[in-house]
N, C-alpha and C. Protein backbone atom coordinates (compact mmCIF):
# COMPACT_ATOMS: atom_id res chain seq x y z
N UNK A 1 50.46 -38.76 23.22
CA UNK A 1 51.67 -39.45 22.78
C UNK A 1 51.54 -39.78 21.30
N UNK A 2 52.52 -39.36 20.52
CA UNK A 2 52.49 -39.59 19.08
C UNK A 2 52.99 -40.99 18.76
N UNK A 3 52.27 -41.67 17.88
CA UNK A 3 52.65 -43.01 17.47
C UNK A 3 53.48 -42.93 16.19
N UNK A 4 54.38 -43.87 16.04
CA UNK A 4 55.18 -43.94 14.83
C UNK A 4 54.64 -45.00 13.86
N UNK A 5 53.67 -45.79 14.31
CA UNK A 5 53.09 -46.81 13.45
C UNK A 5 52.32 -46.13 12.31
N UNK A 6 52.68 -46.44 11.06
CA UNK A 6 52.06 -45.76 9.92
C UNK A 6 50.54 -45.94 9.84
N UNK A 7 50.07 -47.11 10.18
CA UNK A 7 48.62 -47.36 10.12
C UNK A 7 47.91 -46.53 11.19
N UNK A 8 48.46 -46.50 12.39
CA UNK A 8 47.84 -45.72 13.47
C UNK A 8 47.88 -44.22 13.17
N UNK A 9 48.99 -43.75 12.61
CA UNK A 9 49.07 -42.33 12.24
C UNK A 9 48.03 -41.99 11.17
N UNK A 10 47.83 -42.91 10.24
CA UNK A 10 46.83 -42.68 9.20
C UNK A 10 45.43 -42.71 9.79
N UNK A 11 45.19 -43.60 10.75
CA UNK A 11 43.89 -43.62 11.43
C UNK A 11 43.63 -42.29 12.14
N UNK A 12 44.67 -41.71 12.72
CA UNK A 12 44.50 -40.41 13.37
C UNK A 12 44.08 -39.35 12.35
N UNK A 13 44.73 -39.34 11.20
CA UNK A 13 44.36 -38.38 10.15
C UNK A 13 42.93 -38.63 9.69
N UNK A 14 42.56 -39.89 9.54
CA UNK A 14 41.19 -40.21 9.12
C UNK A 14 40.17 -39.71 10.14
N UNK A 15 40.47 -39.85 11.42
CA UNK A 15 39.55 -39.38 12.47
C UNK A 15 39.38 -37.87 12.43
N UNK A 16 40.49 -37.15 12.25
CA UNK A 16 40.41 -35.68 12.17
C UNK A 16 39.55 -35.27 10.97
N UNK A 17 39.84 -35.85 9.80
CA UNK A 17 39.08 -35.50 8.61
C UNK A 17 37.64 -35.95 8.72
N UNK A 18 37.40 -37.08 9.38
CA UNK A 18 36.02 -37.53 9.58
C UNK A 18 35.23 -36.49 10.37
N UNK A 19 35.84 -35.93 11.39
CA UNK A 19 35.18 -34.89 12.18
C UNK A 19 34.85 -33.67 11.34
N UNK A 20 35.79 -33.27 10.50
CA UNK A 20 35.57 -32.12 9.61
C UNK A 20 34.45 -32.43 8.63
N UNK A 21 34.51 -33.58 8.00
CA UNK A 21 33.51 -33.94 6.98
C UNK A 21 32.11 -34.08 7.60
N UNK A 22 32.03 -34.77 8.73
CA UNK A 22 30.73 -34.96 9.36
C UNK A 22 30.19 -33.62 9.85
N UNK A 23 31.06 -32.78 10.41
CA UNK A 23 30.62 -31.45 10.84
C UNK A 23 30.08 -30.64 9.68
N UNK A 24 30.79 -30.63 8.57
CA UNK A 24 30.32 -29.93 7.38
C UNK A 24 28.97 -30.49 6.93
N UNK A 25 28.87 -31.80 6.89
CA UNK A 25 27.64 -32.43 6.43
C UNK A 25 26.44 -32.07 7.28
N UNK A 26 26.63 -32.10 8.58
CA UNK A 26 25.53 -31.77 9.49
C UNK A 26 25.10 -30.32 9.30
N UNK A 27 26.06 -29.41 9.21
CA UNK A 27 25.73 -27.99 9.01
C UNK A 27 25.04 -27.80 7.66
N UNK A 28 25.57 -28.45 6.61
CA UNK A 28 24.99 -28.29 5.27
C UNK A 28 23.54 -28.77 5.22
N UNK A 29 23.24 -29.80 5.99
CA UNK A 29 21.88 -30.35 5.97
C UNK A 29 20.96 -29.64 6.95
N UNK A 30 21.44 -29.42 8.17
CA UNK A 30 20.56 -28.90 9.23
C UNK A 30 20.59 -27.39 9.39
N UNK A 31 21.66 -26.74 8.94
CA UNK A 31 21.77 -25.28 9.10
C UNK A 31 22.36 -24.66 7.84
N UNK A 32 21.70 -24.85 6.69
CA UNK A 32 22.28 -24.37 5.43
C UNK A 32 22.49 -22.86 5.39
N UNK A 33 21.65 -22.10 6.07
CA UNK A 33 21.84 -20.64 6.05
C UNK A 33 23.15 -20.25 6.71
N UNK A 34 23.53 -20.97 7.76
CA UNK A 34 24.82 -20.71 8.41
C UNK A 34 25.96 -20.94 7.42
N UNK A 35 25.88 -22.02 6.65
CA UNK A 35 26.93 -22.32 5.67
C UNK A 35 27.04 -21.19 4.65
N UNK A 36 25.91 -20.70 4.17
CA UNK A 36 25.93 -19.60 3.20
C UNK A 36 26.53 -18.34 3.81
N UNK A 37 26.17 -18.05 5.06
CA UNK A 37 26.74 -16.86 5.72
C UNK A 37 28.24 -16.99 5.86
N UNK A 38 28.72 -18.16 6.25
CA UNK A 38 30.16 -18.38 6.43
C UNK A 38 30.91 -18.17 5.11
N UNK A 39 30.31 -18.59 4.02
CA UNK A 39 30.95 -18.47 2.70
C UNK A 39 30.56 -17.18 1.98
N UNK A 40 29.78 -16.34 2.67
CA UNK A 40 29.32 -15.06 2.10
C UNK A 40 28.63 -15.26 0.76
N UNK A 41 27.75 -16.24 0.71
CA UNK A 41 27.01 -16.54 -0.50
C UNK A 41 25.54 -16.20 -0.29
N UNK A 42 24.88 -15.86 -1.39
CA UNK A 42 23.44 -15.63 -1.35
C UNK A 42 22.73 -16.97 -1.33
N UNK A 43 21.82 -17.16 -0.38
CA UNK A 43 21.07 -18.42 -0.36
C UNK A 43 20.25 -18.59 -1.65
N UNK A 44 20.28 -19.76 -2.19
CA UNK A 44 19.52 -20.09 -3.39
C UNK A 44 19.05 -21.54 -3.22
N UNK A 45 17.79 -21.85 -3.55
CA UNK A 45 17.29 -23.21 -3.34
C UNK A 45 18.13 -24.29 -4.01
N UNK A 46 18.61 -24.04 -5.24
CA UNK A 46 19.43 -25.04 -5.92
C UNK A 46 20.76 -25.25 -5.21
N UNK A 47 21.40 -24.14 -4.83
CA UNK A 47 22.68 -24.24 -4.13
C UNK A 47 22.49 -24.92 -2.79
N UNK A 48 21.41 -24.59 -2.09
CA UNK A 48 21.13 -25.21 -0.80
C UNK A 48 20.99 -26.72 -0.96
N UNK A 49 20.24 -27.13 -1.98
CA UNK A 49 20.04 -28.56 -2.21
C UNK A 49 21.32 -29.29 -2.57
N UNK A 50 22.10 -28.70 -3.47
CA UNK A 50 23.36 -29.34 -3.86
C UNK A 50 24.34 -29.38 -2.69
N UNK A 51 24.36 -28.34 -1.89
CA UNK A 51 25.23 -28.31 -0.72
C UNK A 51 24.84 -29.41 0.26
N UNK A 52 23.53 -29.64 0.42
CA UNK A 52 23.07 -30.71 1.30
C UNK A 52 23.47 -32.08 0.75
N UNK A 53 23.39 -32.24 -0.59
CA UNK A 53 23.84 -33.50 -1.18
C UNK A 53 25.32 -33.73 -0.89
N UNK A 54 26.13 -32.69 -1.05
CA UNK A 54 27.56 -32.82 -0.74
C UNK A 54 27.76 -33.12 0.74
N UNK A 55 26.96 -32.48 1.57
CA UNK A 55 27.04 -32.73 3.01
C UNK A 55 26.72 -34.17 3.36
N UNK A 56 25.72 -34.73 2.68
CA UNK A 56 25.38 -36.13 2.96
C UNK A 56 26.51 -37.05 2.52
N UNK A 57 27.15 -36.71 1.40
CA UNK A 57 28.31 -37.49 0.95
C UNK A 57 29.42 -37.44 1.99
N UNK A 58 29.67 -36.25 2.52
CA UNK A 58 30.75 -36.12 3.49
C UNK A 58 30.45 -36.85 4.80
N UNK A 59 29.19 -36.91 5.20
CA UNK A 59 28.83 -37.68 6.39
C UNK A 59 29.16 -39.16 6.18
N UNK A 60 28.82 -39.68 5.01
CA UNK A 60 29.09 -41.10 4.71
C UNK A 60 30.59 -41.35 4.65
N UNK A 61 31.33 -40.48 3.96
CA UNK A 61 32.78 -40.65 3.87
C UNK A 61 33.40 -40.58 5.27
N UNK A 62 32.93 -39.66 6.09
CA UNK A 62 33.43 -39.56 7.47
C UNK A 62 33.13 -40.81 8.27
N UNK A 63 31.94 -41.37 8.10
CA UNK A 63 31.57 -42.59 8.83
C UNK A 63 32.45 -43.77 8.40
N UNK A 64 32.71 -43.88 7.11
CA UNK A 64 33.59 -44.95 6.62
C UNK A 64 34.99 -44.78 7.23
N UNK A 65 35.47 -43.55 7.28
CA UNK A 65 36.80 -43.29 7.86
C UNK A 65 36.84 -43.69 9.33
N UNK A 66 35.79 -43.37 10.07
CA UNK A 66 35.76 -43.70 11.50
C UNK A 66 35.71 -45.21 11.74
N UNK A 67 35.12 -45.95 10.82
CA UNK A 67 34.99 -47.40 10.98
C UNK A 67 36.25 -48.16 10.57
N UNK A 68 37.15 -47.54 9.86
CA UNK A 68 38.34 -48.23 9.34
C UNK A 68 39.21 -48.72 10.49
N UNK A 69 39.41 -50.03 10.55
CA UNK A 69 40.23 -50.58 11.63
C UNK A 69 41.39 -51.42 11.12
N UNK A 70 41.17 -52.22 10.09
CA UNK A 70 42.26 -53.02 9.54
C UNK A 70 43.06 -52.19 8.55
N UNK A 71 44.24 -52.66 8.22
CA UNK A 71 45.08 -51.94 7.26
C UNK A 71 44.36 -51.79 5.93
N UNK A 72 43.67 -52.82 5.48
CA UNK A 72 42.94 -52.73 4.20
C UNK A 72 41.80 -51.73 4.28
N UNK A 73 41.09 -51.68 5.40
CA UNK A 73 40.02 -50.70 5.56
C UNK A 73 40.58 -49.28 5.61
N UNK A 74 41.70 -49.12 6.27
CA UNK A 74 42.35 -47.81 6.34
C UNK A 74 42.76 -47.37 4.94
N UNK A 75 43.36 -48.28 4.19
CA UNK A 75 43.77 -47.97 2.82
C UNK A 75 42.55 -47.58 1.97
N UNK A 76 41.46 -48.32 2.10
CA UNK A 76 40.24 -48.02 1.35
C UNK A 76 39.67 -46.66 1.76
N UNK A 77 39.72 -46.33 3.04
CA UNK A 77 39.21 -45.04 3.51
C UNK A 77 40.08 -43.90 2.98
N UNK A 78 41.39 -44.11 2.91
CA UNK A 78 42.28 -43.10 2.32
C UNK A 78 41.94 -42.92 0.85
N UNK A 79 41.74 -44.02 0.13
CA UNK A 79 41.38 -43.94 -1.29
C UNK A 79 40.07 -43.17 -1.47
N UNK A 80 39.09 -43.45 -0.64
CA UNK A 80 37.79 -42.78 -0.74
C UNK A 80 37.94 -41.28 -0.47
N UNK A 81 38.65 -40.93 0.59
CA UNK A 81 38.86 -39.51 0.91
C UNK A 81 39.63 -38.81 -0.20
N UNK A 82 40.69 -39.43 -0.68
CA UNK A 82 41.49 -38.79 -1.72
C UNK A 82 40.68 -38.68 -3.02
N UNK A 83 39.89 -39.68 -3.31
CA UNK A 83 39.01 -39.61 -4.48
C UNK A 83 38.08 -38.40 -4.41
N UNK A 84 37.55 -38.13 -3.23
CA UNK A 84 36.70 -36.94 -3.05
C UNK A 84 37.49 -35.66 -3.32
N UNK A 85 38.72 -35.59 -2.84
CA UNK A 85 39.53 -34.39 -3.07
C UNK A 85 39.79 -34.21 -4.56
N UNK A 86 40.06 -35.31 -5.26
CA UNK A 86 40.33 -35.22 -6.69
C UNK A 86 39.11 -34.69 -7.44
N UNK A 87 37.95 -35.28 -7.17
CA UNK A 87 36.73 -34.85 -7.84
C UNK A 87 36.39 -33.40 -7.47
N UNK A 88 36.54 -33.05 -6.19
CA UNK A 88 36.28 -31.67 -5.78
C UNK A 88 37.23 -30.69 -6.46
N UNK A 89 38.46 -31.10 -6.69
CA UNK A 89 39.41 -30.23 -7.40
C UNK A 89 38.97 -30.00 -8.84
N UNK A 90 38.43 -31.03 -9.47
CA UNK A 90 37.91 -30.88 -10.83
C UNK A 90 36.75 -29.88 -10.82
N UNK A 91 35.86 -29.99 -9.84
CA UNK A 91 34.72 -29.06 -9.73
C UNK A 91 35.23 -27.63 -9.55
N UNK A 92 36.20 -27.44 -8.67
CA UNK A 92 36.76 -26.10 -8.46
C UNK A 92 37.41 -25.56 -9.73
N UNK A 93 38.13 -26.40 -10.43
CA UNK A 93 38.75 -25.97 -11.68
C UNK A 93 37.68 -25.53 -12.68
N UNK A 94 36.57 -26.25 -12.72
CA UNK A 94 35.46 -25.87 -13.61
C UNK A 94 34.87 -24.52 -13.21
N UNK A 95 34.73 -24.30 -11.91
CA UNK A 95 34.19 -23.01 -11.43
C UNK A 95 35.12 -21.86 -11.85
N UNK A 96 36.40 -22.07 -11.68
CA UNK A 96 37.38 -21.04 -12.05
C UNK A 96 37.35 -20.83 -13.57
N UNK A 97 37.29 -21.92 -14.30
CA UNK A 97 37.24 -21.86 -15.77
C UNK A 97 36.01 -21.10 -16.25
N UNK A 98 34.92 -21.20 -15.53
CA UNK A 98 33.68 -20.52 -15.90
C UNK A 98 33.69 -19.04 -15.52
N UNK A 99 34.80 -18.59 -14.95
CA UNK A 99 34.92 -17.17 -14.64
C UNK A 99 34.64 -16.78 -13.20
N UNK A 100 34.40 -17.76 -12.37
CA UNK A 100 34.18 -17.46 -10.96
C UNK A 100 35.53 -17.12 -10.35
N UNK A 101 35.64 -15.96 -9.77
CA UNK A 101 36.93 -15.48 -9.25
C UNK A 101 37.28 -16.05 -7.89
N UNK A 102 38.11 -15.31 -7.19
CA UNK A 102 38.61 -15.73 -5.88
C UNK A 102 37.61 -15.34 -4.79
N UNK A 103 36.40 -15.87 -4.90
CA UNK A 103 35.39 -15.62 -3.87
C UNK A 103 35.63 -16.60 -2.71
N UNK A 104 34.94 -16.42 -1.60
CA UNK A 104 35.18 -17.30 -0.43
C UNK A 104 35.01 -18.78 -0.76
N UNK A 105 34.04 -19.13 -1.60
CA UNK A 105 33.81 -20.52 -1.97
C UNK A 105 35.05 -21.13 -2.59
N UNK A 106 35.60 -20.46 -3.60
CA UNK A 106 36.78 -20.99 -4.28
C UNK A 106 38.02 -20.97 -3.40
N UNK A 107 38.21 -19.91 -2.64
CA UNK A 107 39.39 -19.83 -1.78
C UNK A 107 39.37 -20.95 -0.75
N UNK A 108 38.24 -21.10 -0.06
CA UNK A 108 38.12 -22.17 0.95
C UNK A 108 38.29 -23.53 0.28
N UNK A 109 37.67 -23.70 -0.88
CA UNK A 109 37.77 -24.97 -1.58
C UNK A 109 39.18 -25.33 -1.99
N UNK A 110 39.91 -24.36 -2.53
CA UNK A 110 41.29 -24.62 -2.96
C UNK A 110 42.18 -24.94 -1.76
N UNK A 111 42.05 -24.18 -0.69
CA UNK A 111 42.86 -24.43 0.51
C UNK A 111 42.52 -25.80 1.10
N UNK A 112 41.23 -26.09 1.24
CA UNK A 112 40.80 -27.37 1.79
C UNK A 112 41.32 -28.52 0.93
N UNK A 113 41.19 -28.40 -0.41
CA UNK A 113 41.67 -29.46 -1.29
C UNK A 113 43.17 -29.63 -1.24
N UNK A 114 43.91 -28.54 -1.16
CA UNK A 114 45.38 -28.64 -1.08
C UNK A 114 45.80 -29.38 0.18
N UNK A 115 45.18 -29.04 1.29
CA UNK A 115 45.50 -29.74 2.55
C UNK A 115 45.08 -31.21 2.45
N UNK A 116 43.93 -31.45 1.84
CA UNK A 116 43.47 -32.82 1.67
C UNK A 116 44.41 -33.64 0.80
N UNK A 117 44.81 -33.08 -0.35
CA UNK A 117 45.74 -33.81 -1.22
C UNK A 117 47.04 -34.12 -0.47
N UNK A 118 47.56 -33.16 0.26
CA UNK A 118 48.80 -33.38 1.02
C UNK A 118 48.60 -34.48 2.06
N UNK A 119 47.46 -34.45 2.74
CA UNK A 119 47.17 -35.48 3.77
C UNK A 119 47.12 -36.86 3.16
N UNK A 120 46.35 -37.00 2.07
CA UNK A 120 46.14 -38.34 1.50
C UNK A 120 47.35 -38.85 0.73
N UNK A 121 48.11 -37.97 0.11
CA UNK A 121 49.35 -38.41 -0.54
C UNK A 121 50.36 -38.87 0.51
N UNK A 122 50.42 -38.15 1.63
CA UNK A 122 51.29 -38.57 2.73
C UNK A 122 50.84 -39.91 3.29
N UNK A 123 49.53 -40.09 3.46
CA UNK A 123 49.00 -41.36 3.96
C UNK A 123 49.31 -42.51 3.01
N UNK A 124 49.15 -42.26 1.72
CA UNK A 124 49.47 -43.31 0.74
C UNK A 124 50.95 -43.71 0.84
N UNK A 125 51.83 -42.72 0.95
CA UNK A 125 53.26 -43.03 1.06
C UNK A 125 53.54 -43.80 2.35
N UNK A 126 52.88 -43.39 3.43
CA UNK A 126 53.06 -44.04 4.72
C UNK A 126 52.61 -45.51 4.68
N UNK A 127 51.55 -45.79 3.92
CA UNK A 127 50.98 -47.14 3.88
C UNK A 127 51.63 -48.03 2.82
N UNK A 128 52.47 -47.44 1.98
CA UNK A 128 53.10 -48.24 0.91
C UNK A 128 53.89 -49.39 1.54
N UNK A 129 53.64 -50.58 1.00
CA UNK A 129 54.35 -51.75 1.49
C UNK A 129 53.73 -52.39 2.72
N UNK A 130 52.65 -51.88 3.19
CA UNK A 130 51.96 -52.46 4.37
C UNK A 130 50.89 -53.40 3.93
């Protein structure tokens, strides 16, 4: 049953994204070779390490999202998630600027960020005035 309450709808979005973020984080830390295969990237120790750092960040962001219960906590979790999308978009723009083409990393990143921006901008509009 779909709820019309803006805070509850935002909590639902936070739970979905928390699952995605935590799943990514666990794979990045515990099964980095799988992540590289999925993105068709050559394993490299530096990339593996940085990917694990990003994965640990996503686990924490996902945990914060799952814990959000009050309107203020939900708003803070939306801010945190959207902040990650903004920073990740800057990183992707830098990769493209450096000449990295439309490889799986950039394509997945751009699509993921676009969906994320749409989710969090919608959540912000939904929570306005609450």
